[in-house]
Amino acid sequence: MKALFVSELGGGYGNVGPLVHIAGAMELEGVRPIFALSDAVTPATLFTNRPWPVLPAPALRDPLRPRPGPASYGDILATCGFAEPEMLFALTAQWDALFALTQPDFIVASHAPSAILAARGRLPVIAVGTGFTLPPSHTATFPALRPDTMSFRPEFAALEAANTVLGARRAPKLSTLPALLAVEARLVASVRELDPYAPLRKDAYVQLAPQQPNLMRPNAPGVFAFMDVKGSESMHAVECLADIAKHLPVETHLRGPGAKPASAFLNRCGVRTHLQPVPMAEALSRARVIVSQGGHGTCLSTLMAARASVVLPAHFESMLNGLALERLGVGKVAWGGETSTILEHLEWALDLDPGVAQAAADKIAQPYALDVSALLSHMRACGRRAA
């Protein structure tokens, strides 16, 4: 069997890491993985010593950017091609060409809605995502995640555009926009505490990667920061880390256009800077506090390891992740990214009662371990029915 692993929206490691874990497990079962990524540069280290082809994926290069930000997942779809039939026709045509080139038996899609649309009625799909990137598919519309913000594009417009494309392709039309995500298999790689749709969720939560060991709390109150350095907020955080390093051990792994000069500056201030990604288990073994921009994997690992978090939100999902940690009493969101706010939150995190963090970690229900053999048997059956 051959599987095409695709990621369309978002960037970095968050959407690609789970695909790599699944591909590795499926390869052991005889599946040949091929990747198509909208951003194949940032996560390139994930493919070191892996002989898998990595191709560029179709994606809208200049998505719409509503001033107030998206109010729901429907708004996100509208910004990334579902606003107009012409955009969707172009995207699905590109996916068709990629499917014809790679000839997969099924698709594994991480935050890739136009790929799922192109595969509808043609190829079986496994949708992989966090709670945020894989909303429930049974609701009439996508639930509002920011009730104080108006949707910038009515959801029925995106549904009409999708059905226009599906009709032209002679593929089954959608009764609702969330039904787009009602695919052959859904893997929600999260926990209830970080799922903005938890009250509506019917899917079970799945654990894709091996569970990290139960890490002992380090004796020294160290800080580890994972950040993209671009914009004033991240530069303020760099200044704060330099200040904290006068008194405590601080480590960083920085990315982005400002990473090299920021790392050089921090290194001169006594910060241990890592040029290559650091495994979370290693970082957590030496830190009581994690500073990040709210990536799901980072927030989940930090929560389950009973560590405190300071979050500088980089986008909609990371804002929701940071707010979830705040509600659990184990994190702070540095709104505005001002130096005084970040320092105040760092001091709070360093002083957090370890019992509070441990209690939050103990309440999390463990996701079930993915049964790759059963999943592949299911996909084979779906492929036979489609044929």
Protein backbone atom coordinates (compact mmCIF):
# COMPACT_ATOMS: atom_id res chain seq x y z
CA MET A 1 0.00 0.00 0.00
CA LYS A 2 0.99 3.59 -0.59
CA ALA A 3 -0.16 6.52 1.56
CA LEU A 4 0.08 10.24 0.83
CA PHE A 5 0.60 12.29 4.00
CA VAL A 6 -0.47 15.91 3.50
CA SER A 7 -0.41 19.17 5.48
CA GLU A 8 -1.91 22.32 3.99
CA LEU A 9 -2.62 24.99 6.62
CA GLY A 10 -0.32 26.17 9.38
CA GLY A 11 3.42 25.72 9.54
CA GLY A 12 6.24 24.43 11.67
CA TYR A 13 6.29 21.08 13.43
CA GLY A 14 2.80 20.93 14.92
CA ASN A 15 0.90 19.53 11.93
CA VAL A 16 3.78 17.51 10.47
CA GLY A 17 5.12 15.78 13.60
CA PRO A 18 2.02 13.57 14.06
CA LEU A 19 2.14 12.62 10.38
CA VAL A 20 5.76 11.51 10.75
CA HIS A 21 4.88 9.34 13.77
CA ILE A 22 2.00 7.69 11.91
CA ALA A 23 4.07 7.20 8.76
CA GLY A 24 6.82 5.48 10.75
CA ALA A 25 4.33 3.10 12.35
CA MET A 26 2.61 2.38 9.02
CA GLU A 27 5.93 1.78 7.28
CA LEU A 28 6.56 -1.08 9.69
CA GLU A 29 3.25 -2.55 8.45
CA GLY A 30 4.36 -2.40 4.82
CA VAL A 31 2.98 1.01 3.81
CA ARG A 32 5.09 3.27 1.60
CA PRO A 33 4.80 6.89 2.84
CA ILE A 34 4.95 9.92 0.53
CA PHE A 35 4.64 13.46 1.91
CA ALA A 36 3.21 16.66 0.44
CA LEU A 37 3.64 19.70 2.70
CA SER A 38 2.83 23.38 2.23
CA ASP A 39 5.88 24.13 4.43
CA ALA A 40 8.54 21.49 3.91
CA VAL A 41 11.45 23.66 5.12
CA THR A 42 10.71 24.31 8.80
CA PRO A 43 10.12 20.65 9.75
CA ALA A 44 12.93 19.33 7.54
CA THR A 45 14.82 17.89 10.54
CA LEU A 46 11.91 15.50 11.13
CA PHE A 47 12.85 13.73 7.89
CA THR A 48 16.54 13.24 8.67
CA ASN A 49 17.53 9.67 7.81
CA ARG A 50 14.02 8.92 6.52
CA PRO A 51 13.94 7.97 2.82
CA TRP A 52 10.46 9.39 2.21
CA PRO A 53 9.76 11.68 -0.75
CA VAL A 54 8.63 15.16 0.37
CA LEU A 55 6.79 17.17 -2.28
CA PRO A 56 5.32 20.71 -2.21
CA ALA A 57 1.61 20.74 -1.39
CA PRO A 58 -1.05 22.99 -2.91
CA ALA A 59 -1.99 25.87 -0.63
CA LEU A 60 -3.30 29.39 -0.97
CA ARG A 61 -0.19 31.58 -0.80
CA ASP A 62 -1.99 34.79 0.12
CA PRO A 63 -4.90 33.85 2.42
CA LEU A 64 -7.48 36.41 3.43
CA ARG A 65 -6.76 38.08 6.76
CA PRO A 66 -9.87 39.50 8.44
CA ARG A 67 -8.97 42.35 10.78
CA PRO A 68 -10.73 40.92 13.88
CA GLY A 69 -9.40 37.43 13.19
CA PRO A 70 -11.48 34.29 12.58
CA ALA A 71 -14.50 33.59 14.74
CA SER A 72 -14.82 29.90 13.92
CA TYR A 73 -13.26 27.10 11.90
CA GLY A 74 -15.65 28.07 9.11
CA ASP A 75 -13.93 31.44 8.96
CA ILE A 76 -10.55 29.70 8.71
CA LEU A 77 -11.80 27.71 5.73
CA ALA A 78 -13.04 30.92 4.12
CA THR A 79 -9.65 32.59 4.51
CA CYS A 80 -7.84 29.66 2.91
CA GLY A 81 -9.71 29.04 -0.33
CA PHE A 82 -13.31 28.21 0.58
CA ALA A 83 -14.42 31.80 0.03
CA GLU A 84 -14.83 31.48 -3.74
CA PRO A 85 -15.46 28.52 -6.09
CA GLU A 86 -12.65 29.71 -8.39
CA MET A 87 -10.10 29.32 -5.61
CA LEU A 88 -11.36 25.85 -4.75
CA PHE A 89 -11.37 24.76 -8.38
CA ALA A 90 -7.69 25.74 -8.63
CA LEU A 91 -6.71 24.04 -5.37
CA THR A 92 -8.55 20.80 -6.09
CA ALA A 93 -7.07 20.67 -9.60
CA GLN A 94 -3.59 20.87 -8.08
CA TRP A 95 -4.43 18.10 -5.61
CA ASP A 96 -5.78 16.00 -8.50
CA ALA A 97 -2.43 16.34 -10.26
CA LEU A 98 -0.57 15.36 -7.08
CA PHE A 99 -2.84 12.34 -6.55
CA ALA A 100 -2.25 11.28 -10.16
CA LEU A 101 1.51 11.65 -9.72
CA THR A 102 1.76 9.72 -6.45
CA GLN A 103 -1.07 7.17 -6.94
CA PRO A 104 -1.82 6.69 -3.22
CA ASP A 105 -4.21 4.09 -1.84
CA PHE A 106 -5.36 6.56 0.80
CA ILE A 107 -4.67 10.03 2.19
CA VAL A 108 -3.55 10.99 5.70
CA ALA A 109 -4.47 14.66 6.08
CA SER A 110 -3.38 17.05 8.81
CA HIS A 111 -5.20 20.41 8.68
CA ALA A 112 -5.67 20.00 4.91
CA PRO A 113 -9.29 20.85 4.04
CA SER A 114 -8.89 21.37 0.28
CA ALA A 115 -7.05 18.03 0.03
CA ILE A 116 -9.97 16.35 1.80
CA LEU A 117 -12.37 18.07 -0.59
CA ALA A 118 -10.36 16.86 -3.61
CA ALA A 119 -10.29 13.30 -2.25
CA ARG A 120 -14.04 13.22 -1.55
CA GLY A 121 -15.64 10.31 -3.37
CA ARG A 122 -12.28 9.28 -4.85
CA LEU A 123 -9.82 8.28 -2.14
CA PRO A 124 -10.25 7.19 1.50
CA VAL A 125 -9.01 9.75 4.02
CA ILE A 126 -7.62 9.61 7.54
CA ALA A 127 -7.96 13.06 9.11
CA VAL A 128 -5.42 13.81 11.84
CA GLY A 129 -5.47 16.86 14.07
CA THR A 130 -5.64 18.52 17.43
CA GLY A 131 -8.99 19.34 18.96
CA PHE A 132 -8.84 22.71 17.21
CA THR A 133 -7.79 21.55 13.72
CA LEU A 134 -10.20 18.61 13.66
CA PRO A 135 -13.60 19.94 14.80
CA PRO A 136 -16.64 17.68 15.20
CA SER A 137 -18.23 16.76 11.88
CA HIS A 138 -21.78 16.13 13.11
CA THR A 139 -22.82 19.72 13.93
CA ALA A 140 -24.95 21.83 11.59
CA THR A 141 -22.31 24.57 11.55
CA PHE A 142 -18.88 25.02 13.08
CA PRO A 143 -19.36 26.30 16.66
CA ALA A 144 -18.27 29.86 17.38
CA LEU A 145 -14.98 29.94 19.27
CA ARG A 146 -15.03 33.71 19.75
CA PRO A 147 -18.65 34.65 20.53
CA ASP A 148 -17.64 38.33 20.73
CA THR A 149 -16.42 38.31 17.11
CA MET A 150 -18.67 38.30 14.04
CA SER A 151 -17.85 35.85 11.24
CA PHE A 152 -16.43 37.82 8.35
CA ARG A 153 -17.94 35.43 5.78
CA PRO A 154 -21.26 33.53 6.19
CA GLU A 155 -20.66 29.79 6.46
CA PHE A 156 -23.30 29.03 3.84
CA ALA A 157 -21.11 30.83 1.28
CA ALA A 158 -18.24 28.40 1.90
CA LEU A 159 -20.66 25.46 1.78
CA GLU A 160 -22.05 26.70 -1.54
CA ALA A 161 -18.53 27.10 -2.97
CA ALA A 162 -17.58 23.59 -1.85
CA ASN A 163 -20.73 22.07 -3.33
CA THR A 164 -20.21 23.94 -6.60
CA VAL A 165 -16.81 22.29 -6.90
CA LEU A 166 -18.09 18.88 -5.80
CA GLY A 167 -20.95 19.07 -8.29
CA ALA A 168 -18.57 19.78 -11.13
CA ARG A 169 -16.44 16.82 -10.02
CA ARG A 170 -19.51 14.54 -9.72
CA ALA A 171 -18.59 13.88 -6.11
CA PRO A 172 -21.08 13.58 -3.23
CA LYS A 173 -22.20 17.02 -2.07
CA LEU A 174 -22.11 18.20 1.54
CA SER A 175 -25.25 18.72 3.63
CA THR A 176 -23.27 20.90 6.06
CA LEU A 177 -19.79 22.40 6.01
CA PRO A 178 -18.56 20.35 9.04
CA ALA A 179 -19.55 17.20 7.09
CA LEU A 180 -16.44 17.84 4.99
CA LEU A 181 -14.49 16.34 7.91
CA ALA A 182 -16.69 13.21 8.18
CA VAL A 183 -14.03 11.05 6.54
CA GLU A 184 -13.22 7.34 6.75
CA ALA A 185 -11.12 7.72 9.94
CA ARG A 186 -10.52 10.60 12.36
CA LEU A 187 -7.59 10.76 14.81
CA VAL A 188 -7.96 13.54 17.38
CA ALA A 189 -4.51 13.74 18.96
CA SER A 190 -5.32 15.76 22.06
CA VAL A 191 -6.96 15.64 25.48
CA ARG A 192 -10.26 17.05 26.68
CA GLU A 193 -8.54 19.85 28.60
CA LEU A 194 -7.07 21.37 25.40
CA ASP A 195 -10.03 20.68 23.11
CA PRO A 196 -12.17 23.77 22.45
CA TYR A 197 -14.97 21.45 21.26
CA ALA A 198 -14.81 19.09 24.25
CA PRO A 199 -18.53 19.39 25.20
CA LEU A 200 -19.51 18.42 21.62
CA ARG A 201 -16.82 15.84 20.94
CA LYS A 202 -17.88 12.30 19.97
CA ASP A 203 -14.42 11.13 18.85
CA ALA A 204 -12.10 9.38 21.27
CA TYR A 205 -8.74 11.05 21.89
CA VAL A 206 -5.76 9.18 20.52
CA GLN A 207 -2.10 9.04 21.52
CA LEU A 208 0.05 8.99 18.39
CA ALA A 209 3.58 9.13 19.85
CA PRO A 210 4.92 7.01 22.71
CA GLN A 211 4.02 8.44 26.10
CA GLN A 212 6.83 10.51 27.57
CA PRO A 213 8.26 9.20 30.84
CA ASN A 214 7.03 10.55 34.15
CA LEU A 215 9.74 13.15 34.62
CA MET A 216 10.96 14.10 38.06
CA ARG A 217 10.67 17.78 38.90
CA PRO A 218 14.15 19.32 38.53
CA ASN A 219 15.79 20.68 41.68
CA ALA A 220 16.81 23.95 40.02
CA PRO A 221 13.96 26.24 38.87
CA GLY A 222 15.09 26.34 35.26
CA VAL A 223 13.33 27.92 32.27
CA PHE A 224 13.21 26.57 28.70
CA ALA A 225 11.90 28.69 25.81
CA PHE A 226 10.70 27.46 22.40
CA MET A 227 9.95 30.46 20.18
CA ASP A 228 9.86 31.88 16.70
CA VAL A 229 11.69 35.20 16.80
CA LYS A 230 9.75 37.66 14.68
CA GLY A 231 8.05 40.81 15.87
CA SER A 232 8.26 42.88 19.02
CA GLU A 233 6.60 40.37 21.37
CA SER A 234 9.24 37.71 20.85
CA MET A 235 12.03 40.29 21.18
CA HIS A 236 10.57 41.41 24.50
CA ALA A 237 10.60 37.78 25.60
CA VAL A 238 14.25 37.49 24.59
CA GLU A 239 15.08 40.48 26.81
CA CYS A 240 13.19 38.89 29.70
CA LEU A 241 15.03 35.59 29.30
CA ALA A 242 18.35 37.45 29.41
CA ASP A 243 17.24 39.12 32.64
CA ILE A 244 16.09 35.83 34.21
CA ALA A 245 19.42 34.20 33.24
CA LYS A 246 21.20 36.46 35.74
CA HIS A 247 19.68 34.36 38.52
CA LEU A 248 18.45 31.03 37.05
CA PRO A 249 19.40 28.46 34.40
CA VAL A 250 17.76 29.35 31.07
CA GLU A 251 17.79 27.38 27.82
CA THR A 252 16.30 28.23 24.44
CA HIS A 253 15.62 26.87 21.01
CA LEU A 254 14.77 29.79 18.74
CA ARG A 255 13.54 29.78 15.14
CA GLY A 256 12.53 32.38 12.62
CA PRO A 257 14.24 35.32 10.91
CA GLY A 258 15.59 36.79 14.15
CA ALA A 259 16.78 33.53 15.70
CA LYS A 260 20.52 33.83 15.00
CA PRO A 261 21.12 37.34 16.43
CA ALA A 262 18.76 36.65 19.36
CA SER A 263 20.56 33.38 20.16
CA ALA A 264 23.95 35.11 19.97
CA PHE A 265 22.72 37.82 22.35
CA LEU A 266 21.29 35.30 24.81
CA ASN A 267 24.44 33.22 24.65
CA ARG A 268 26.46 36.26 25.73
CA CYS A 269 24.02 36.68 28.63
CA GLY A 270 24.70 33.17 29.91
CA VAL A 271 21.73 31.41 28.28
CA ARG A 272 22.31 27.94 26.89
CA THR A 273 21.10 28.20 23.30
CA HIS A 274 20.30 25.19 21.14
CA LEU A 275 20.53 25.56 17.37
CA GLN A 276 18.77 22.23 16.73
CA PRO A 277 15.35 21.20 18.09
CA VAL A 278 15.44 19.74 21.59
CA PRO A 279 13.16 16.79 22.47
CA MET A 280 10.46 17.89 24.89
CA ALA A 281 11.34 15.16 27.39
CA GLU A 282 14.89 16.51 27.55
CA ALA A 283 13.74 20.12 27.94
CA LEU A 284 11.20 19.22 30.63
CA SER A 285 13.78 17.22 32.58
CA ARG A 286 15.71 20.45 33.23
CA ALA A 287 12.94 23.06 33.43
CA ARG A 288 10.08 23.92 35.74
CA VAL A 289 8.76 26.57 33.36
CA ILE A 290 8.26 26.44 29.60
CA VAL A 291 7.96 29.65 27.56
CA SER A 292 6.33 29.11 24.18
CA GLN A 293 3.97 30.55 21.62
CA GLY A 294 1.28 28.08 22.53
CA GLY A 295 1.81 25.20 20.11
CA HIS A 296 -0.49 22.31 20.94
CA GLY A 297 2.26 19.71 21.34
CA THR A 298 4.30 21.96 23.63
CA CYS A 299 1.29 22.87 25.77
CA LEU A 300 0.15 19.25 26.04
CA SER A 301 3.60 17.95 27.01
CA THR A 302 4.06 20.73 29.56
CA LEU A 303 0.64 20.11 31.07
CA MET A 304 1.11 16.34 31.34
CA ALA A 305 4.58 16.79 32.88
CA ALA A 306 3.18 19.07 35.60
CA ARG A 307 5.17 22.11 34.56
CA ALA A 308 4.12 25.76 34.38
CA SER A 309 3.73 27.65 31.11
CA VAL A 310 4.05 31.23 29.90
CA VAL A 311 2.40 31.60 26.49
CA LEU A 312 2.87 34.35 23.92
CA PRO A 313 0.07 33.44 21.48
CA ALA A 314 1.15 33.26 17.85
CA HIS A 315 -2.28 32.54 16.34
CA PHE A 316 -5.89 31.61 17.10
CA GLU A 317 -5.24 28.03 18.24
CA SER A 318 -2.29 28.99 20.44
CA MET A 319 -4.44 31.65 22.10
CA LEU A 320 -7.04 28.99 22.94
CA ASN A 321 -4.31 26.65 24.23
CA GLY A 322 -2.92 29.36 26.49
CA LEU A 323 -6.37 30.20 27.84
CA ALA A 324 -6.98 26.50 28.56
CA LEU A 325 -3.78 26.36 30.63
CA GLU A 326 -4.86 29.51 32.48
CA ARG A 327 -8.21 27.92 33.38
CA LEU A 328 -6.33 24.91 34.76
CA GLY A 329 -4.17 27.21 36.89
CA VAL A 330 -0.90 26.12 35.28
CA GLY A 331 -0.26 28.84 32.73
CA LYS A 332 -0.37 32.53 31.94
CA VAL A 333 -1.03 34.24 28.60
CA ALA A 334 1.22 37.26 28.04
CA TRP A 335 -1.29 39.48 26.26
CA GLY A 336 0.47 42.21 24.31
CA GLY A 337 3.88 40.71 24.99
CA GLU A 338 5.13 43.67 27.02
CA THR A 339 8.36 43.12 28.94
CA SER A 340 6.78 43.88 32.31
CA THR A 341 3.93 41.43 31.65
CA ILE A 342 6.26 38.62 30.58
CA LEU A 343 8.52 39.11 33.60
CA GLU A 344 5.52 39.15 35.93
CA HIS A 345 4.21 35.92 34.42
CA LEU A 346 7.63 34.27 34.60
CA GLU A 347 7.86 35.09 38.29
CA TRP A 348 4.36 33.67 38.81
CA ALA A 349 5.26 30.47 36.96
CA LEU A 350 8.50 30.00 38.90
CA ASP A 351 6.59 30.37 42.16
CA LEU A 352 3.71 28.08 41.17
CA ASP A 353 2.93 25.45 43.80
CA PRO A 354 4.08 22.13 42.26
CA GLY A 355 1.05 20.46 43.81
CA VAL A 356 -1.26 22.59 41.65
CA ALA A 357 0.54 21.55 38.46
CA GLN A 358 0.60 17.90 39.51
CA ALA A 359 -3.11 17.93 40.35
CA ALA A 360 -3.90 19.29 36.89
CA ALA A 361 -1.75 16.60 35.27
CA ASP A 362 -3.35 13.83 37.35
CA LYS A 363 -6.86 14.77 36.17
CA ILE A 364 -6.08 14.17 32.50
CA ALA A 365 -7.59 11.00 31.08
CA GLN A 366 -4.94 9.17 29.07
CA PRO A 367 -5.74 8.96 25.33
CA TYR A 368 -5.95 5.50 23.83
CA ALA A 369 -2.93 4.18 21.95
CA LEU A 370 -3.30 4.08 18.18
CA ASP A 371 -3.78 0.57 16.75
CA VAL A 372 -2.08 0.96 13.37
CA SER A 373 -2.87 -2.58 12.20
CA ALA A 374 -6.60 -2.12 12.83
CA LEU A 375 -6.53 1.30 11.16
CA LEU A 376 -4.87 -0.11 8.04
CA SER A 377 -7.37 -2.98 7.87
CA HIS A 378 -10.16 -0.41 8.00
CA MET A 379 -8.57 1.67 5.23
CA ARG A 380 -8.12 -1.40 3.02
CA ALA A 381 -11.82 -2.17 3.43
CA CYS A 382 -12.71 1.45 2.61
CA GLY A 383 -10.52 1.30 -0.50
CA ARG A 384 -12.25 -1.87 -1.71
CA ARG A 385 -15.68 -0.31 -1.23
CA ALA A 386 -14.59 2.83 -3.10
CA ALA A 387 -13.29 0.72 -6.00
